[in-house]
Amino acid sequence: IDTLKQSLNTGCQGVMVARAGLGRPWLFAELQAALSDKPFTKPNTKTVIKLMLTHITELAELIGSEHQAILQARGFAKYYLRQTELPKDILDALRGCQTIKALNDLFY
């Protein structure tokens, strides 16, 4: 965030966010708050997990395949989970899940 402000203060007209937004869909609200010097409260672990599970569920609906959504989730879940205080072995448990129900059972 500080780097963003410093970059924009040099006169550049834009910055690239790229991977910083993976597993962090609130990033743009966070950046907007920082640029306008407003406070931003990062989501807690429960909210991050809910966002991740919503992402996976909606992905399954979008592509029409729960199995494919689970496979993709194994790749991007680590980005969500690094935003939490959950133990690292939870990612291993997530990789063993075969259904969205199993994912929900893992976290709730």
C-alpha atoms as a PDB file:
ATOM      1  CA  ILE A   1       0.000   0.000   0.000  1.00  0.00           C
ATOM      2  CA  ASP A   2       2.788   2.414   0.862  1.00  0.00           C
ATOM      3  CA  THR A   3       4.573   1.474  -2.357  1.00  0.00           C
ATOM      4  CA  LEU A   4       1.402   2.257  -4.282  1.00  0.00           C
ATOM      5  CA  LYS A   5       1.178   5.711  -2.739  1.00  0.00           C
ATOM      6  CA  GLN A   6       4.865   6.373  -3.391  1.00  0.00           C
ATOM      7  CA  SER A   7       4.522   5.278  -7.010  1.00  0.00           C
ATOM      8  CA  LEU A   8       1.522   7.486  -7.642  1.00  0.00           C
ATOM      9  CA  ASN A   9       3.278  10.438  -5.993  1.00  0.00           C
ATOM     10  CA  THR A  10       6.037  10.227  -8.632  1.00  0.00           C
ATOM     11  CA  GLY A  11       3.550  11.085 -11.341  1.00  0.00           C
ATOM     12  CA  CYS A  12       2.965   7.617 -12.756  1.00  0.00           C
ATOM     13  CA  GLN A  13      -0.563   7.180 -13.988  1.00  0.00           C
ATOM     14  CA  GLY A  14      -1.171   3.617 -12.940  1.00  0.00           C
ATOM     15  CA  VAL A  15       0.124   0.534 -11.223  1.00  0.00           C
ATOM     16  CA  MET A  16      -0.324  -3.156 -11.857  1.00  0.00           C
ATOM     17  CA  VAL A  17      -1.911  -5.222  -9.116  1.00  0.00           C
ATOM     18  CA  ALA A  18      -1.511  -8.689 -10.697  1.00  0.00           C
ATOM     19  CA  ARG A  19      -1.256 -11.572  -8.253  1.00  0.00           C
ATOM     20  CA  ALA A  20      -1.761  -9.445  -5.155  1.00  0.00           C
ATOM     21  CA  GLY A  21      -5.499  -9.823  -5.699  1.00  0.00           C
ATOM     22  CA  LEU A  22      -5.481 -13.630  -5.693  1.00  0.00           C
ATOM     23  CA  GLY A  23      -7.422 -14.853  -2.691  1.00  0.00           C
ATOM     24  CA  ARG A  24      -7.863 -11.265  -1.622  1.00  0.00           C
ATOM     25  CA  PRO A  25     -10.952  -9.901  -3.399  1.00  0.00           C
ATOM     26  CA  TRP A  26     -11.167  -7.011  -0.944  1.00  0.00           C
ATOM     27  CA  LEU A  27      -7.810  -5.679  -2.176  1.00  0.00           C
ATOM     28  CA  PHE A  28      -9.355  -3.037  -4.403  1.00  0.00           C
ATOM     29  CA  ALA A  29     -11.452  -1.652  -1.541  1.00  0.00           C
ATOM     30  CA  GLU A  30      -8.322  -1.683   0.613  1.00  0.00           C
ATOM     31  CA  LEU A  31      -6.338   0.234  -2.031  1.00  0.00           C
ATOM     32  CA  GLN A  32      -9.143   2.725  -2.528  1.00  0.00           C
ATOM     33  CA  ALA A  33      -9.313   3.352   1.216  1.00  0.00           C
ATOM     34  CA  ALA A  34      -5.541   3.828   1.402  1.00  0.00           C
ATOM     35  CA  LEU A  35      -5.515   6.284  -1.488  1.00  0.00           C
ATOM     36  CA  SER A  36      -8.242   8.353   0.146  1.00  0.00           C
ATOM     37  CA  ASP A  37      -6.620   8.065   3.601  1.00  0.00           C
ATOM     38  CA  LYS A  38      -9.631   6.235   5.011  1.00  0.00           C
ATOM     39  CA  PRO A  39      -9.446   3.320   7.433  1.00  0.00           C
ATOM     40  CA  PHE A  40      -9.879  -0.203   6.154  1.00  0.00           C
ATOM     41  CA  THR A  41     -10.614  -3.259   8.247  1.00  0.00           C
ATOM     42  CA  LYS A  42      -9.380  -6.499   6.746  1.00  0.00           C
ATOM     43  CA  PRO A  43     -11.841  -9.388   6.872  1.00  0.00           C
ATOM     44  CA  ASN A  44     -11.479 -11.899   9.676  1.00  0.00           C
ATOM     45  CA  THR A  45     -10.782 -15.608   9.132  1.00  0.00           C
ATOM     46  CA  LYS A  46     -14.471 -16.543   9.138  1.00  0.00           C
ATOM     47  CA  THR A  47     -15.210 -14.005   6.400  1.00  0.00           C
ATOM     48  CA  VAL A  48     -12.222 -15.104   4.299  1.00  0.00           C
ATOM     49  CA  ILE A  49     -13.355 -18.750   4.501  1.00  0.00           C
ATOM     50  CA  LYS A  50     -16.899 -17.750   3.540  1.00  0.00           C
ATOM     51  CA  LEU A  51     -15.578 -15.770   0.550  1.00  0.00           C
ATOM     52  CA  MET A  52     -13.429 -18.711  -0.566  1.00  0.00           C
ATOM     53  CA  LEU A  53     -16.314 -21.180  -0.322  1.00  0.00           C
ATOM     54  CA  THR A  54     -18.597 -18.774  -2.199  1.00  0.00           C
ATOM     55  CA  HIS A  55     -15.930 -18.437  -4.892  1.00  0.00           C
ATOM     56  CA  ILE A  56     -15.716 -22.224  -5.270  1.00  0.00           C
ATOM     57  CA  THR A  57     -19.492 -22.708  -5.256  1.00  0.00           C
ATOM     58  CA  GLU A  58     -20.090 -19.998  -7.829  1.00  0.00           C
ATOM     59  CA  LEU A  59     -17.232 -21.299  -9.968  1.00  0.00           C
ATOM     60  CA  ALA A  60     -18.880 -24.734  -9.998  1.00  0.00           C
ATOM     61  CA  GLU A  61     -22.159 -23.144 -11.101  1.00  0.00           C
ATOM     62  CA  LEU A  62     -20.428 -21.050 -13.756  1.00  0.00           C
ATOM     63  CA  ILE A  63     -18.484 -23.872 -15.370  1.00  0.00           C
ATOM     64  CA  GLY A  64     -21.142 -26.507 -14.698  1.00  0.00           C
ATOM     65  CA  SER A  65     -18.779 -28.925 -12.972  1.00  0.00           C
ATOM     66  CA  GLU A  66     -18.271 -29.304  -9.255  1.00  0.00           C
ATOM     67  CA  HIS A  67     -15.333 -31.620  -9.900  1.00  0.00           C
ATOM     68  CA  GLN A  68     -13.516 -29.071 -12.096  1.00  0.00           C
ATOM     69  CA  ALA A  69     -14.227 -26.294  -9.589  1.00  0.00           C
ATOM     70  CA  ILE A  70     -12.708 -28.407  -6.794  1.00  0.00           C
ATOM     71  CA  LEU A  71      -9.625 -29.054  -8.909  1.00  0.00           C
ATOM     72  CA  GLN A  72      -9.210 -25.330  -9.595  1.00  0.00           C
ATOM     73  CA  ALA A  73      -9.844 -24.517  -5.940  1.00  0.00           C
ATOM     74  CA  ARG A  74      -6.875 -26.645  -4.960  1.00  0.00           C
ATOM     75  CA  GLY A  75      -4.730 -24.152  -6.858  1.00  0.00           C
ATOM     76  CA  PHE A  76      -6.177 -20.890  -5.584  1.00  0.00           C
ATOM     77  CA  ALA A  77      -7.257 -21.835  -2.042  1.00  0.00           C
ATOM     78  CA  LYS A  78      -3.726 -21.269  -0.758  1.00  0.00           C
ATOM     79  CA  TYR A  79      -4.063 -17.581  -1.610  1.00  0.00           C
ATOM     80  CA  TYR A  80      -7.194 -17.286   0.511  1.00  0.00           C
ATOM     81  CA  LEU A  81      -5.790 -19.362   3.360  1.00  0.00           C
ATOM     82  CA  ARG A  82      -2.595 -17.339   3.676  1.00  0.00           C
ATOM     83  CA  GLN A  83      -4.837 -14.462   4.784  1.00  0.00           C
ATOM     84  CA  THR A  84      -5.920 -16.465   7.853  1.00  0.00           C
ATOM     85  CA  GLU A  85      -4.448 -17.836  11.045  1.00  0.00           C
ATOM     86  CA  LEU A  86      -5.501 -21.376  10.161  1.00  0.00           C
ATOM     87  CA  PRO A  87      -2.865 -24.110  10.525  1.00  0.00           C
ATOM     88  CA  LYS A  88      -0.914 -24.911   7.369  1.00  0.00           C
ATOM     89  CA  ASP A  89      -2.126 -28.524   7.348  1.00  0.00           C
ATOM     90  CA  ILE A  90      -5.647 -27.326   6.572  1.00  0.00           C
ATOM     91  CA  LEU A  91      -4.498 -26.841   2.966  1.00  0.00           C
ATOM     92  CA  ASP A  92      -3.518 -30.516   2.835  1.00  0.00           C
ATOM     93  CA  ALA A  93      -6.948 -31.449   4.154  1.00  0.00           C
ATOM     94  CA  LEU A  94      -8.572 -29.199   1.559  1.00  0.00           C
ATOM     95  CA  ARG A  95      -6.665 -30.949  -1.216  1.00  0.00           C
ATOM     96  CA  GLY A  96      -8.274 -34.211  -0.131  1.00  0.00           C
ATOM     97  CA  CYS A  97     -11.816 -32.872  -0.489  1.00  0.00           C
ATOM     98  CA  GLN A  98     -13.739 -34.183  -3.470  1.00  0.00           C
ATOM     99  CA  THR A  99     -16.974 -32.183  -3.119  1.00  0.00           C
ATOM    100  CA  ILE A 100     -18.147 -28.738  -2.061  1.00  0.00           C
ATOM    101  CA  LYS A 101     -20.001 -30.399   0.812  1.00  0.00           C
ATOM    102  CA  ALA A 102     -16.701 -31.883   2.011  1.00  0.00           C
ATOM    103  CA  LEU A 103     -15.139 -28.416   1.851  1.00  0.00           C
ATOM    104  CA  ASN A 104     -17.972 -26.953   3.885  1.00  0.00           C
ATOM    105  CA  ASP A 105     -17.656 -29.781   6.404  1.00  0.00           C
ATOM    106  CA  LEU A 106     -13.925 -29.083   6.697  1.00  0.00           C
ATOM    107  CA  PHE A 107     -14.496 -25.482   7.718  1.00  0.00           C
ATOM    108  CA  TYR A 108     -17.824 -25.661   9.586  1.00  0.00           C
END
